[in-house]
C-alpha atoms as a PDB file:
ATOM      1  CA  UNK A   1      -2.620 -16.373  -1.269  1.00  0.00           C
ATOM      2  CA  UNK A   2      -4.852 -18.764   0.671  1.00  0.00           C
ATOM      3  CA  UNK A   3      -7.823 -17.839  -1.530  1.00  0.00           C
ATOM      4  CA  UNK A   4      -5.747 -18.456  -4.700  1.00  0.00           C
ATOM      5  CA  UNK A   5      -4.886 -21.928  -3.466  1.00  0.00           C
ATOM      6  CA  UNK A   6      -8.485 -22.672  -2.503  1.00  0.00           C
ATOM      7  CA  UNK A   7      -9.608 -21.478  -5.957  1.00  0.00           C
ATOM      8  CA  UNK A   8      -7.108 -23.876  -7.555  1.00  0.00           C
ATOM      9  CA  UNK A   9      -8.562 -26.747  -5.537  1.00  0.00           C
ATOM     10  CA  UNK A  10     -12.151 -25.639  -6.190  1.00  0.00           C
ATOM     11  CA  UNK A  11     -11.825 -26.421  -9.871  1.00  0.00           C
ATOM     12  CA  UNK A  12     -11.905 -30.100  -8.866  1.00  0.00           C
ATOM     13  CA  UNK A  13     -15.310 -29.907  -7.126  1.00  0.00           C
ATOM     14  CA  UNK A  14     -17.804 -32.385  -8.641  1.00  0.00           C
ATOM     15  CA  UNK A  15     -15.007 -33.847 -10.777  1.00  0.00           C
ATOM     16  CA  UNK A  16     -13.489 -37.306 -10.835  1.00  0.00           C
ATOM     17  CA  UNK A  17      -9.801 -37.009 -10.025  1.00  0.00           C
ATOM     18  CA  UNK A  18      -6.702 -39.113  -9.566  1.00  0.00           C
ATOM     19  CA  UNK A  19      -4.798 -38.297  -6.402  1.00  0.00           C
ATOM     20  CA  UNK A  20      -1.257 -39.403  -5.692  1.00  0.00           C
ATOM     21  CA  UNK A  21       0.607 -38.689  -2.463  1.00  0.00           C
ATOM     22  CA  UNK A  22       4.327 -38.975  -3.036  1.00  0.00           C
ATOM     23  CA  UNK A  23       7.286 -38.745  -0.687  1.00  0.00           C
ATOM     24  CA  UNK A  24       9.516 -36.014  -2.152  1.00  0.00           C
ATOM     25  CA  UNK A  25      12.514 -38.335  -1.742  1.00  0.00           C
ATOM     26  CA  UNK A  26      10.779 -40.602  -4.247  1.00  0.00           C
ATOM     27  CA  UNK A  27      10.977 -43.569  -1.919  1.00  0.00           C
ATOM     28  CA  UNK A  28       7.391 -43.981  -0.721  1.00  0.00           C
ATOM     29  CA  UNK A  29       4.136 -43.515  -2.581  1.00  0.00           C
ATOM     30  CA  UNK A  30       0.617 -44.204  -1.400  1.00  0.00           C
ATOM     31  CA  UNK A  31      -1.625 -46.080  -3.835  1.00  0.00           C
ATOM     32  CA  UNK A  32      -3.152 -43.912  -6.560  1.00  0.00           C
ATOM     33  CA  UNK A  33      -6.696 -42.922  -5.594  1.00  0.00           C
ATOM     34  CA  UNK A  34      -9.568 -42.232  -7.956  1.00  0.00           C
ATOM     35  CA  UNK A  35     -12.248 -40.182  -6.244  1.00  0.00           C
ATOM     36  CA  UNK A  36     -14.980 -37.606  -6.897  1.00  0.00           C
ATOM     37  CA  UNK A  37     -14.448 -34.381  -4.959  1.00  0.00           C
ATOM     38  CA  UNK A  38     -17.668 -33.233  -3.298  1.00  0.00           C
ATOM     39  CA  UNK A  39     -16.518 -30.021  -1.622  1.00  0.00           C
ATOM     40  CA  UNK A  40     -13.505 -28.063  -0.354  1.00  0.00           C
ATOM     41  CA  UNK A  41     -13.400 -26.547   3.150  1.00  0.00           C
ATOM     42  CA  UNK A  42     -10.826 -25.103   5.496  1.00  0.00           C
ATOM     43  CA  UNK A  43     -10.173 -27.214   8.583  1.00  0.00           C
ATOM     44  CA  UNK A  44     -11.271 -25.625  11.882  1.00  0.00           C
ATOM     45  CA  UNK A  45      -7.745 -24.489  12.830  1.00  0.00           C
ATOM     46  CA  UNK A  46      -7.082 -23.100   9.314  1.00  0.00           C
ATOM     47  CA  UNK A  47      -3.940 -25.163   8.707  1.00  0.00           C
ATOM     48  CA  UNK A  48      -5.275 -27.461   5.955  1.00  0.00           C
ATOM     49  CA  UNK A  49      -7.689 -27.541   3.039  1.00  0.00           C
ATOM     50  CA  UNK A  50     -10.082 -30.477   3.236  1.00  0.00           C
ATOM     51  CA  UNK A  51     -11.060 -32.090  -0.070  1.00  0.00           C
ATOM     52  CA  UNK A  52     -14.146 -34.137   0.806  1.00  0.00           C
ATOM     53  CA  UNK A  53     -14.810 -37.310  -1.174  1.00  0.00           C
ATOM     54  CA  UNK A  54     -18.044 -37.983   0.745  1.00  0.00           C
ATOM     55  CA  UNK A  55     -19.783 -36.428   3.740  1.00  0.00           C
ATOM     56  CA  UNK A  56     -17.143 -37.756   6.196  1.00  0.00           C
ATOM     57  CA  UNK A  57     -13.912 -38.635   4.379  1.00  0.00           C
ATOM     58  CA  UNK A  58     -11.460 -36.050   3.129  1.00  0.00           C
ATOM     59  CA  UNK A  59      -7.898 -35.523   1.989  1.00  0.00           C
ATOM     60  CA  UNK A  60      -6.141 -32.748   3.918  1.00  0.00           C
ATOM     61  CA  UNK A  61      -3.598 -30.582   2.112  1.00  0.00           C
ATOM     62  CA  UNK A  62      -1.557 -28.114   4.196  1.00  0.00           C
ATOM     63  CA  UNK A  63      -2.292 -24.472   3.447  1.00  0.00           C
ATOM     64  CA  UNK A  64       1.438 -23.763   3.656  1.00  0.00           C
ATOM     65  CA  UNK A  65       2.135 -26.148   0.756  1.00  0.00           C
ATOM     66  CA  UNK A  66       3.557 -24.674  -2.463  1.00  0.00           C
ATOM     67  CA  UNK A  67       1.051 -25.041  -5.308  1.00  0.00           C
ATOM     68  CA  UNK A  68       2.138 -25.339  -8.923  1.00  0.00           C
ATOM     69  CA  UNK A  69       0.740 -26.639 -12.183  1.00  0.00           C
ATOM     70  CA  UNK A  70       2.734 -29.181 -14.195  1.00  0.00           C
ATOM     71  CA  UNK A  71       1.028 -30.175 -17.412  1.00  0.00           C
ATOM     72  CA  UNK A  72      -2.488 -31.177 -16.366  1.00  0.00           C
ATOM     73  CA  UNK A  73      -1.696 -31.737 -12.665  1.00  0.00           C
ATOM     74  CA  UNK A  74      -1.899 -29.554  -9.607  1.00  0.00           C
ATOM     75  CA  UNK A  75       1.012 -30.384  -7.336  1.00  0.00           C
ATOM     76  CA  UNK A  76       0.984 -29.183  -3.742  1.00  0.00           C
ATOM     77  CA  UNK A  77       4.379 -29.663  -2.108  1.00  0.00           C
ATOM     78  CA  UNK A  78       4.604 -29.621   1.680  1.00  0.00           C
ATOM     79  CA  UNK A  79       8.217 -29.026   2.684  1.00  0.00           C
ATOM     80  CA  UNK A  80       7.530 -29.860   6.352  1.00  0.00           C
ATOM     81  CA  UNK A  81       6.248 -33.374   5.748  1.00  0.00           C
ATOM     82  CA  UNK A  82       8.278 -33.904   2.543  1.00  0.00           C
ATOM     83  CA  UNK A  83       5.080 -34.899   0.690  1.00  0.00           C
ATOM     84  CA  UNK A  84       3.625 -33.955  -2.670  1.00  0.00           C
ATOM     85  CA  UNK A  85      -0.095 -34.119  -3.366  1.00  0.00           C
ATOM     86  CA  UNK A  86      -0.674 -34.572  -7.113  1.00  0.00           C
ATOM     87  CA  UNK A  87      -4.222 -34.050  -8.365  1.00  0.00           C
ATOM     88  CA  UNK A  88      -5.412 -34.559 -11.936  1.00  0.00           C
ATOM     89  CA  UNK A  89      -8.904 -34.429 -13.427  1.00  0.00           C
ATOM     90  CA  UNK A  90      -9.956 -37.615 -15.157  1.00  0.00           C
ATOM     91  CA  UNK A  91     -11.226 -36.748 -18.578  1.00  0.00           C
ATOM     92  CA  UNK A  92     -13.755 -38.976 -20.262  1.00  0.00           C
ATOM     93  CA  UNK A  93     -13.054 -39.198 -23.960  1.00  0.00           C
END
């Protein structure tokens, strides 16, 4: 299952994406980020996937999160933290 999730994230490598981190209660939401994903790696303790936006900065998504596709978005829901990570490719028309 871990490899399926990593494959889902890998489709965003070298792509410009919009990332939203949303509290599942709908109360809090971090600002929408627009970033280019450079690479995906497992963290050293194998609890999170790291989506690097440059050689140092990354977004960490828990491996235990539930992954699902809704329309054109990948949504990873972490029940423990009550957060959703929504990732969508930016298409240039």
